[in-house]
C-alpha atoms as a PDB file:
ATOM      1  CA  UNK A   1      77.658   1.424  64.479  1.00  0.00           C
ATOM      2  CA  UNK A   2      79.907   4.463  64.895  1.00  0.00           C
ATOM      3  CA  UNK A   3      80.863   6.473  61.817  1.00  0.00           C
ATOM      4  CA  UNK A   4      84.631   6.998  61.665  1.00  0.00           C
ATOM      5  CA  UNK A   5      85.686  10.625  61.124  1.00  0.00           C
ATOM      6  CA  UNK A   6      86.844  11.448  57.596  1.00  0.00           C
ATOM      7  CA  UNK A   7      89.810  13.748  56.982  1.00  0.00           C
ATOM      8  CA  UNK A   8      90.252  15.133  53.457  1.00  0.00           C
ATOM      9  CA  UNK A   9      93.644  16.471  52.327  1.00  0.00           C
ATOM     10  CA  UNK A  10      93.641  18.669  49.238  1.00  0.00           C
ATOM     11  CA  UNK A  11      96.176  18.727  46.419  1.00  0.00           C
ATOM     12  CA  UNK A  12      98.402  21.428  44.951  1.00  0.00           C
ATOM     13  CA  UNK A  13      97.807  24.251  44.240  1.00  0.00           C
ATOM     14  CA  UNK A  14      94.281  24.093  45.657  1.00  0.00           C
ATOM     15  CA  UNK A  15      92.539  24.551  49.000  1.00  0.00           C
ATOM     16  CA  UNK A  16      89.947  22.732  51.080  1.00  0.00           C
ATOM     17  CA  UNK A  17      87.079  23.794  48.763  1.00  0.00           C
ATOM     18  CA  UNK A  18      88.415  21.185  46.333  1.00  0.00           C
ATOM     19  CA  UNK A  19      86.470  18.746  48.521  1.00  0.00           C
ATOM     20  CA  UNK A  20      83.166  20.652  48.488  1.00  0.00           C
ATOM     21  CA  UNK A  21      81.100  17.807  46.951  1.00  0.00           C
ATOM     22  CA  UNK A  22      82.458  15.346  49.510  1.00  0.00           C
ATOM     23  CA  UNK A  23      81.998  17.699  52.464  1.00  0.00           C
ATOM     24  CA  UNK A  24      78.372  18.212  51.425  1.00  0.00           C
ATOM     25  CA  UNK A  25      77.788  14.492  50.866  1.00  0.00           C
ATOM     26  CA  UNK A  26      79.271  13.097  54.076  1.00  0.00           C
ATOM     27  CA  UNK A  27      78.995  15.764  56.774  1.00  0.00           C
ATOM     28  CA  UNK A  28      75.476  14.696  57.699  1.00  0.00           C
ATOM     29  CA  UNK A  29      76.559  11.142  58.507  1.00  0.00           C
ATOM     30  CA  UNK A  30      80.019  11.567  60.027  1.00  0.00           C
ATOM     31  CA  UNK A  31      82.516  14.128  61.208  1.00  0.00           C
ATOM     32  CA  UNK A  32      84.417  15.560  58.241  1.00  0.00           C
ATOM     33  CA  UNK A  33      87.583  17.629  58.559  1.00  0.00           C
ATOM     34  CA  UNK A  34      88.905  19.311  55.411  1.00  0.00           C
ATOM     35  CA  UNK A  35      91.713  21.685  56.369  1.00  0.00           C
ATOM     36  CA  UNK A  36      93.692  24.093  54.270  1.00  0.00           C
ATOM     37  CA  UNK A  37      97.288  22.889  54.247  1.00  0.00           C
ATOM     38  CA  UNK A  38     100.015  25.140  55.586  1.00  0.00           C
ATOM     39  CA  UNK A  39     100.296  28.215  53.364  1.00  0.00           C
ATOM     40  CA  UNK A  40      97.126  27.436  51.367  1.00  0.00           C
ATOM     41  CA  UNK A  41      93.655  28.916  51.519  1.00  0.00           C
ATOM     42  CA  UNK A  42      92.433  32.291  52.792  1.00  0.00           C
ATOM     43  CA  UNK A  43      91.882  31.332  56.430  1.00  0.00           C
ATOM     44  CA  UNK A  44      95.444  30.408  57.375  1.00  0.00           C
ATOM     45  CA  UNK A  45      98.368  32.796  57.781  1.00  0.00           C
ATOM     46  CA  UNK A  46     100.904  32.644  54.943  1.00  0.00           C
ATOM     47  CA  UNK A  47     103.259  30.250  56.759  1.00  0.00           C
ATOM     48  CA  UNK A  48     105.127  28.345  54.087  1.00  0.00           C
ATOM     49  CA  UNK A  49     106.125  24.737  54.558  1.00  0.00           C
ATOM     50  CA  UNK A  50     109.860  24.126  55.036  1.00  0.00           C
ATOM     51  CA  UNK A  51     109.844  20.328  54.714  1.00  0.00           C
ATOM     52  CA  UNK A  52     107.254  17.874  53.468  1.00  0.00           C
ATOM     53  CA  UNK A  53     106.843  16.207  56.870  1.00  0.00           C
ATOM     54  CA  UNK A  54     105.447  19.512  58.183  1.00  0.00           C
ATOM     55  CA  UNK A  55     102.187  18.882  56.294  1.00  0.00           C
ATOM     56  CA  UNK A  56     101.747  15.513  58.028  1.00  0.00           C
ATOM     57  CA  UNK A  57     102.559  16.921  61.451  1.00  0.00           C
ATOM     58  CA  UNK A  58      99.937  19.621  60.857  1.00  0.00           C
ATOM     59  CA  UNK A  59      97.352  16.898  60.153  1.00  0.00           C
ATOM     60  CA  UNK A  60      98.368  15.152  63.371  1.00  0.00           C
ATOM     61  CA  UNK A  61      97.952  18.433  65.279  1.00  0.00           C
ATOM     62  CA  UNK A  62      94.536  18.909  63.659  1.00  0.00           C
ATOM     63  CA  UNK A  63      93.412  15.503  64.950  1.00  0.00           C
ATOM     64  CA  UNK A  64      94.600  16.463  68.425  1.00  0.00           C
ATOM     65  CA  UNK A  65      92.888  19.848  68.256  1.00  0.00           C
ATOM     66  CA  UNK A  66      89.541  18.302  67.311  1.00  0.00           C
ATOM     67  CA  UNK A  67      89.797  15.331  69.663  1.00  0.00           C
ATOM     68  CA  UNK A  68      89.864  12.762  66.855  1.00  0.00           C
ATOM     69  CA  UNK A  69      91.826   9.677  67.975  1.00  0.00           C
ATOM     70  CA  UNK A  70      91.373   7.758  64.696  1.00  0.00           C
ATOM     71  CA  UNK A  71      90.141   8.562  61.212  1.00  0.00           C
ATOM     72  CA  UNK A  72      89.798   7.552  57.598  1.00  0.00           C
ATOM     73  CA  UNK A  73      92.435   9.683  55.861  1.00  0.00           C
ATOM     74  CA  UNK A  74      91.934  10.658  52.226  1.00  0.00           C
ATOM     75  CA  UNK A  75      94.187  12.674  49.950  1.00  0.00           C
ATOM     76  CA  UNK A  76      94.406  13.597  46.294  1.00  0.00           C
ATOM     77  CA  UNK A  77      97.623  14.233  44.338  1.00  0.00           C
ATOM     78  CA  UNK A  78     100.054  15.989  46.712  1.00  0.00           C
ATOM     79  CA  UNK A  79      97.428  15.379  49.365  1.00  0.00           C
ATOM     80  CA  UNK A  80      97.775  11.666  48.737  1.00  0.00           C
ATOM     81  CA  UNK A  81     101.501  11.925  49.367  1.00  0.00           C
ATOM     82  CA  UNK A  82     100.777  13.852  52.581  1.00  0.00           C
ATOM     83  CA  UNK A  83      98.459  10.979  53.560  1.00  0.00           C
ATOM     84  CA  UNK A  84     101.267   8.480  52.930  1.00  0.00           C
ATOM     85  CA  UNK A  85     103.570  10.545  55.108  1.00  0.00           C
ATOM     86  CA  UNK A  86     100.912  10.556  57.829  1.00  0.00           C
ATOM     87  CA  UNK A  87     100.809   6.772  57.694  1.00  0.00           C
ATOM     88  CA  UNK A  88     104.593   6.698  57.945  1.00  0.00           C
ATOM     89  CA  UNK A  89     104.531   8.897  61.052  1.00  0.00           C
ATOM     90  CA  UNK A  90     101.369   7.905  62.971  1.00  0.00           C
ATOM     91  CA  UNK A  91      99.774   4.767  61.478  1.00  0.00           C
ATOM     92  CA  UNK A  92      98.047   3.908  64.754  1.00  0.00           C
ATOM     93  CA  UNK A  93      95.584   6.773  64.215  1.00  0.00           C
ATOM     94  CA  UNK A  94      94.519   5.739  60.718  1.00  0.00           C
ATOM     95  CA  UNK A  95      91.717   3.191  60.195  1.00  0.00           C
ATOM     96  CA  UNK A  96      91.671   3.336  56.391  1.00  0.00           C
ATOM     97  CA  UNK A  97      93.285   5.285  53.558  1.00  0.00           C
ATOM     98  CA  UNK A  98      92.031   6.823  50.325  1.00  0.00           C
ATOM     99  CA  UNK A  99      94.735   7.559  47.735  1.00  0.00           C
ATOM    100  CA  UNK A 100      93.383   9.490  44.748  1.00  0.00           C
ATOM    101  CA  UNK A 101      95.355  10.492  41.652  1.00  0.00           C
ATOM    102  CA  UNK A 102      98.704  10.251  43.405  1.00  0.00           C
ATOM    103  CA  UNK A 103     101.935   8.248  43.286  1.00  0.00           C
ATOM    104  CA  UNK A 104     104.361   6.998  45.954  1.00  0.00           C
ATOM    105  CA  UNK A 105     107.798   7.263  44.333  1.00  0.00           C
ATOM    106  CA  UNK A 106     110.327   9.916  45.267  1.00  0.00           C
ATOM    107  CA  UNK A 107     111.207  12.469  42.623  1.00  0.00           C
ATOM    108  CA  UNK A 108     113.702  11.567  39.943  1.00  0.00           C
ATOM    109  CA  UNK A 109     116.556  14.036  39.413  1.00  0.00           C
ATOM    110  CA  UNK A 110     114.614  15.389  36.437  1.00  0.00           C
ATOM    111  CA  UNK A 111     111.506  15.726  38.598  1.00  0.00           C
ATOM    112  CA  UNK A 112     113.428  17.625  41.258  1.00  0.00           C
ATOM    113  CA  UNK A 113     114.730  20.061  38.664  1.00  0.00           C
ATOM    114  CA  UNK A 114     111.258  20.505  37.174  1.00  0.00           C
ATOM    115  CA  UNK A 115     109.648  21.245  40.535  1.00  0.00           C
ATOM    116  CA  UNK A 116     112.324  23.783  41.421  1.00  0.00           C
ATOM    117  CA  UNK A 117     112.012  25.407  38.003  1.00  0.00           C
ATOM    118  CA  UNK A 118     108.233  25.683  38.418  1.00  0.00           C
ATOM    119  CA  UNK A 119     108.705  27.113  41.918  1.00  0.00           C
ATOM    120  CA  UNK A 120     111.055  29.759  40.519  1.00  0.00           C
ATOM    121  CA  UNK A 121     108.545  30.585  37.797  1.00  0.00           C
ATOM    122  CA  UNK A 122     105.635  30.982  40.221  1.00  0.00           C
ATOM    123  CA  UNK A 123     107.645  33.342  42.404  1.00  0.00           C
ATOM    124  CA  UNK A 124     108.680  35.325  39.355  1.00  0.00           C
ATOM    125  CA  UNK A 125     105.397  35.402  37.400  1.00  0.00           C
ATOM    126  CA  UNK A 126     102.605  34.569  39.826  1.00  0.00           C
ATOM    127  CA  UNK A 127      99.945  31.886  39.447  1.00  0.00           C
ATOM    128  CA  UNK A 128      97.743  32.996  36.541  1.00  0.00           C
ATOM    129  CA  UNK A 129      99.862  31.934  33.589  1.00  0.00           C
ATOM    130  CA  UNK A 130     100.534  28.562  35.180  1.00  0.00           C
ATOM    131  CA  UNK A 131      96.832  28.101  35.976  1.00  0.00           C
ATOM    132  CA  UNK A 132      95.866  28.915  32.396  1.00  0.00           C
ATOM    133  CA  UNK A 133      98.337  26.348  31.056  1.00  0.00           C
ATOM    134  CA  UNK A 134      97.456  23.420  33.302  1.00  0.00           C
ATOM    135  CA  UNK A 135      93.694  23.858  33.730  1.00  0.00           C
ATOM    136  CA  UNK A 136      92.755  21.284  31.090  1.00  0.00           C
ATOM    137  CA  UNK A 137      95.229  18.802  32.542  1.00  0.00           C
ATOM    138  CA  UNK A 138      93.787  19.233  36.018  1.00  0.00           C
ATOM    139  CA  UNK A 139      90.300  18.571  34.650  1.00  0.00           C
ATOM    140  CA  UNK A 140      89.272  17.078  31.336  1.00  0.00           C
ATOM    141  CA  UNK A 141      88.523  19.568  28.523  1.00  0.00           C
ATOM    142  CA  UNK A 142      84.916  18.344  28.640  1.00  0.00           C
ATOM    143  CA  UNK A 143      84.497  19.295  32.312  1.00  0.00           C
ATOM    144  CA  UNK A 144      81.597  21.619  33.136  1.00  0.00           C
ATOM    145  CA  UNK A 145      82.415  25.355  32.977  1.00  0.00           C
ATOM    146  CA  UNK A 146      81.615  25.835  36.658  1.00  0.00           C
ATOM    147  CA  UNK A 147      84.108  23.115  37.590  1.00  0.00           C
ATOM    148  CA  UNK A 148      86.791  24.691  35.422  1.00  0.00           C
ATOM    149  CA  UNK A 149      86.069  28.072  37.005  1.00  0.00           C
ATOM    150  CA  UNK A 150      86.340  26.617  40.504  1.00  0.00           C
ATOM    151  CA  UNK A 151      89.642  24.874  39.781  1.00  0.00           C
ATOM    152  CA  UNK A 152      91.122  27.913  38.048  1.00  0.00           C
ATOM    153  CA  UNK A 153      89.985  30.125  40.915  1.00  0.00           C
ATOM    154  CA  UNK A 154      91.647  27.930  43.529  1.00  0.00           C
ATOM    155  CA  UNK A 155      94.910  27.967  41.610  1.00  0.00           C
ATOM    156  CA  UNK A 156      95.016  31.715  41.050  1.00  0.00           C
ATOM    157  CA  UNK A 157      94.077  32.400  44.686  1.00  0.00           C
ATOM    158  CA  UNK A 158      97.028  30.403  45.996  1.00  0.00           C
ATOM    159  CA  UNK A 159      99.936  32.534  47.187  1.00  0.00           C
ATOM    160  CA  UNK A 160     102.895  32.081  44.809  1.00  0.00           C
ATOM    161  CA  UNK A 161     105.372  31.903  47.708  1.00  0.00           C
ATOM    162  CA  UNK A 162     103.362  29.114  49.361  1.00  0.00           C
ATOM    163  CA  UNK A 163     103.002  27.161  46.124  1.00  0.00           C
ATOM    164  CA  UNK A 164     106.727  27.499  45.455  1.00  0.00           C
ATOM    165  CA  UNK A 165     107.657  26.394  48.973  1.00  0.00           C
ATOM    166  CA  UNK A 166     105.416  23.331  48.693  1.00  0.00           C
ATOM    167  CA  UNK A 167     106.974  22.376  45.360  1.00  0.00           C
ATOM    168  CA  UNK A 168     110.455  22.528  46.841  1.00  0.00           C
ATOM    169  CA  UNK A 169     109.420  20.535  49.905  1.00  0.00           C
ATOM    170  CA  UNK A 170     107.661  18.010  47.712  1.00  0.00           C
ATOM    171  CA  UNK A 171     110.771  17.595  45.573  1.00  0.00           C
ATOM    172  CA  UNK A 172     112.622  16.335  48.670  1.00  0.00           C
ATOM    173  CA  UNK A 173     109.911  13.998  50.009  1.00  0.00           C
ATOM    174  CA  UNK A 174     110.766  10.356  50.754  1.00  0.00           C
ATOM    175  CA  UNK A 175     109.930   7.312  48.665  1.00  0.00           C
ATOM    176  CA  UNK A 176     106.770   5.615  49.981  1.00  0.00           C
ATOM    177  CA  UNK A 177     106.794   2.509  47.794  1.00  0.00           C
ATOM    178  CA  UNK A 178     108.192   0.182  50.442  1.00  0.00           C
ATOM    179  CA  UNK A 179     105.828   1.697  53.017  1.00  0.00           C
ATOM    180  CA  UNK A 180     102.819   0.737  50.883  1.00  0.00           C
ATOM    181  CA  UNK A 181     103.723  -2.939  51.129  1.00  0.00           C
ATOM    182  CA  UNK A 182     103.403  -2.667  54.930  1.00  0.00           C
ATOM    183  CA  UNK A 183     100.088  -0.778  55.122  1.00  0.00           C
ATOM    184  CA  UNK A 184      97.893  -2.783  57.499  1.00  0.00           C
ATOM    185  CA  UNK A 185      94.568  -1.031  56.841  1.00  0.00           C
ATOM    186  CA  UNK A 186      92.166  -1.078  53.863  1.00  0.00           C
ATOM    187  CA  UNK A 187      93.003   1.355  51.078  1.00  0.00           C
ATOM    188  CA  UNK A 188      90.824   2.769  48.307  1.00  0.00           C
ATOM    189  CA  UNK A 189      92.880   3.715  45.225  1.00  0.00           C
ATOM    190  CA  UNK A 190      91.143   6.129  42.858  1.00  0.00           C
ATOM    191  CA  UNK A 191      92.219   7.697  39.555  1.00  0.00           C
ATOM    192  CA  UNK A 192      90.826   9.508  36.544  1.00  0.00           C
ATOM    193  CA  UNK A 193      91.201   7.532  33.323  1.00  0.00           C
ATOM    194  CA  UNK A 194      92.553  10.615  31.525  1.00  0.00           C
ATOM    195  CA  UNK A 195      94.925  11.777  34.268  1.00  0.00           C
ATOM    196  CA  UNK A 196      98.297  12.618  32.708  1.00  0.00           C
ATOM    197  CA  UNK A 197      99.917  13.710  35.988  1.00  0.00           C
ATOM    198  CA  UNK A 198      99.290  10.381  37.715  1.00  0.00           C
ATOM    199  CA  UNK A 199      98.299   7.883  35.027  1.00  0.00           C
ATOM    200  CA  UNK A 200      96.207   4.792  35.624  1.00  0.00           C
ATOM    201  CA  UNK A 201      99.412   2.728  35.542  1.00  0.00           C
ATOM    202  CA  UNK A 202     100.577   4.485  38.720  1.00  0.00           C
ATOM    203  CA  UNK A 203      97.300   3.635  40.464  1.00  0.00           C
ATOM    204  CA  UNK A 204      97.540   0.026  39.295  1.00  0.00           C
ATOM    205  CA  UNK A 205     101.065  -0.231  40.707  1.00  0.00           C
ATOM    206  CA  UNK A 206      99.904   1.105  44.081  1.00  0.00           C
ATOM    207  CA  UNK A 207      96.966  -1.282  44.062  1.00  0.00           C
ATOM    208  CA  UNK A 208      99.311  -4.210  43.388  1.00  0.00           C
ATOM    209  CA  UNK A 209     101.703  -3.169  46.169  1.00  0.00           C
ATOM    210  CA  UNK A 210      99.075  -2.640  48.870  1.00  0.00           C
ATOM    211  CA  UNK A 211      98.032  -5.712  50.917  1.00  0.00           C
ATOM    212  CA  UNK A 212      94.367  -4.632  51.186  1.00  0.00           C
ATOM    213  CA  UNK A 213      93.197  -2.337  48.408  1.00  0.00           C
ATOM    214  CA  UNK A 214      90.466  -1.668  45.912  1.00  0.00           C
ATOM    215  CA  UNK A 215      91.038   0.235  42.656  1.00  0.00           C
ATOM    216  CA  UNK A 216      88.437   2.343  40.864  1.00  0.00           C
ATOM    217  CA  UNK A 217      89.011   4.231  37.593  1.00  0.00           C
ATOM    218  CA  UNK A 218      86.751   7.165  36.627  1.00  0.00           C
ATOM    219  CA  UNK A 219      86.122   7.316  32.901  1.00  0.00           C
ATOM    220  CA  UNK A 220      86.126  10.774  31.353  1.00  0.00           C
ATOM    221  CA  UNK A 221      87.948  12.355  34.287  1.00  0.00           C
ATOM    222  CA  UNK A 222      91.463  13.743  34.555  1.00  0.00           C
ATOM    223  CA  UNK A 223      93.299  14.722  37.751  1.00  0.00           C
ATOM    224  CA  UNK A 224      90.293  15.754  39.884  1.00  0.00           C
ATOM    225  CA  UNK A 225      87.627  13.044  39.621  1.00  0.00           C
ATOM    226  CA  UNK A 226      86.147  14.120  42.964  1.00  0.00           C
ATOM    227  CA  UNK A 227      84.949  17.263  41.151  1.00  0.00           C
ATOM    228  CA  UNK A 228      84.608  15.963  37.606  1.00  0.00           C
ATOM    229  CA  UNK A 229      82.660  12.827  38.571  1.00  0.00           C
ATOM    230  CA  UNK A 230      81.429  13.865  41.998  1.00  0.00           C
ATOM    231  CA  UNK A 231      78.383  11.590  42.197  1.00  0.00           C
ATOM    232  CA  UNK A 232      80.352   8.493  41.170  1.00  0.00           C
ATOM    233  CA  UNK A 233      83.256   9.465  43.417  1.00  0.00           C
ATOM    234  CA  UNK A 234      80.907   9.893  46.386  1.00  0.00           C
ATOM    235  CA  UNK A 235      79.219   6.567  45.713  1.00  0.00           C
ATOM    236  CA  UNK A 236      82.518   4.688  45.637  1.00  0.00           C
ATOM    237  CA  UNK A 237      83.842   6.529  48.682  1.00  0.00           C
ATOM    238  CA  UNK A 238      80.573   6.055  50.552  1.00  0.00           C
ATOM    239  CA  UNK A 239      80.674   2.296  50.040  1.00  0.00           C
ATOM    240  CA  UNK A 240      84.276   2.197  51.274  1.00  0.00           C
ATOM    241  CA  UNK A 241      83.419   4.261  54.350  1.00  0.00           C
ATOM    242  CA  UNK A 242      80.442   2.054  55.189  1.00  0.00           C
ATOM    243  CA  UNK A 243      82.702  -0.999  55.160  1.00  0.00           C
ATOM    244  CA  UNK A 244      85.223   0.801  57.357  1.00  0.00           C
ATOM    245  CA  UNK A 245      82.458   1.690  59.809  1.00  0.00           C
ATOM    246  CA  UNK A 246      81.242  -1.917  59.868  1.00  0.00           C
ATOM    247  CA  UNK A 247      84.727  -3.180  60.675  1.00  0.00           C
ATOM    248  CA  UNK A 248      84.939  -0.759  63.594  1.00  0.00           C
END
């Protein structure tokens, strides 16, 4: 039985180290790619995204670069929306999807204004004040200090111009709700029970719309259950991947 490659797409305003527990857990048994999105992370040049589709096209180019014809594609938060855009653009290369703490709807007019206002603020003030404010929404207040430090460090290390560009691109992304009803591969929907950015109700709605999906809720976790409940997250993901491998 061949293990399908796993591609992990991080959220905003983080980098690929968001997936450290999953990279460590699954790299021994399958190929794992966890890139820094355009403009994020220390390894990539500060090339800001100009439209949301650019993130998906970068993932497609990554698959080509590494000779990966098909994969299981997983994303969290903004990364989940990038994953949906990937399925919109090249579904034939995706064997299964993982959508964690994300939502498919386009921005409301209020949401567009809020994202642009936050982008303006980050360019004006930098990342630290924002990171301080949202840390205990990204992870639950009870999260371990080392997890909080990691999350805060990722946010403050992100270039303000890149974070602002991504927010503006994200504000103009398409609506994926109709797309979800046509997804022809298995999907694992994951969410933290205490996530206020993407509440459990959003995950339940995605689960109901998808033809082949499983929903798992992580108690005591907020927006980053892959870090907050890493062992449970890895167990659920590992079971899903094993089933995907068996189907292959």
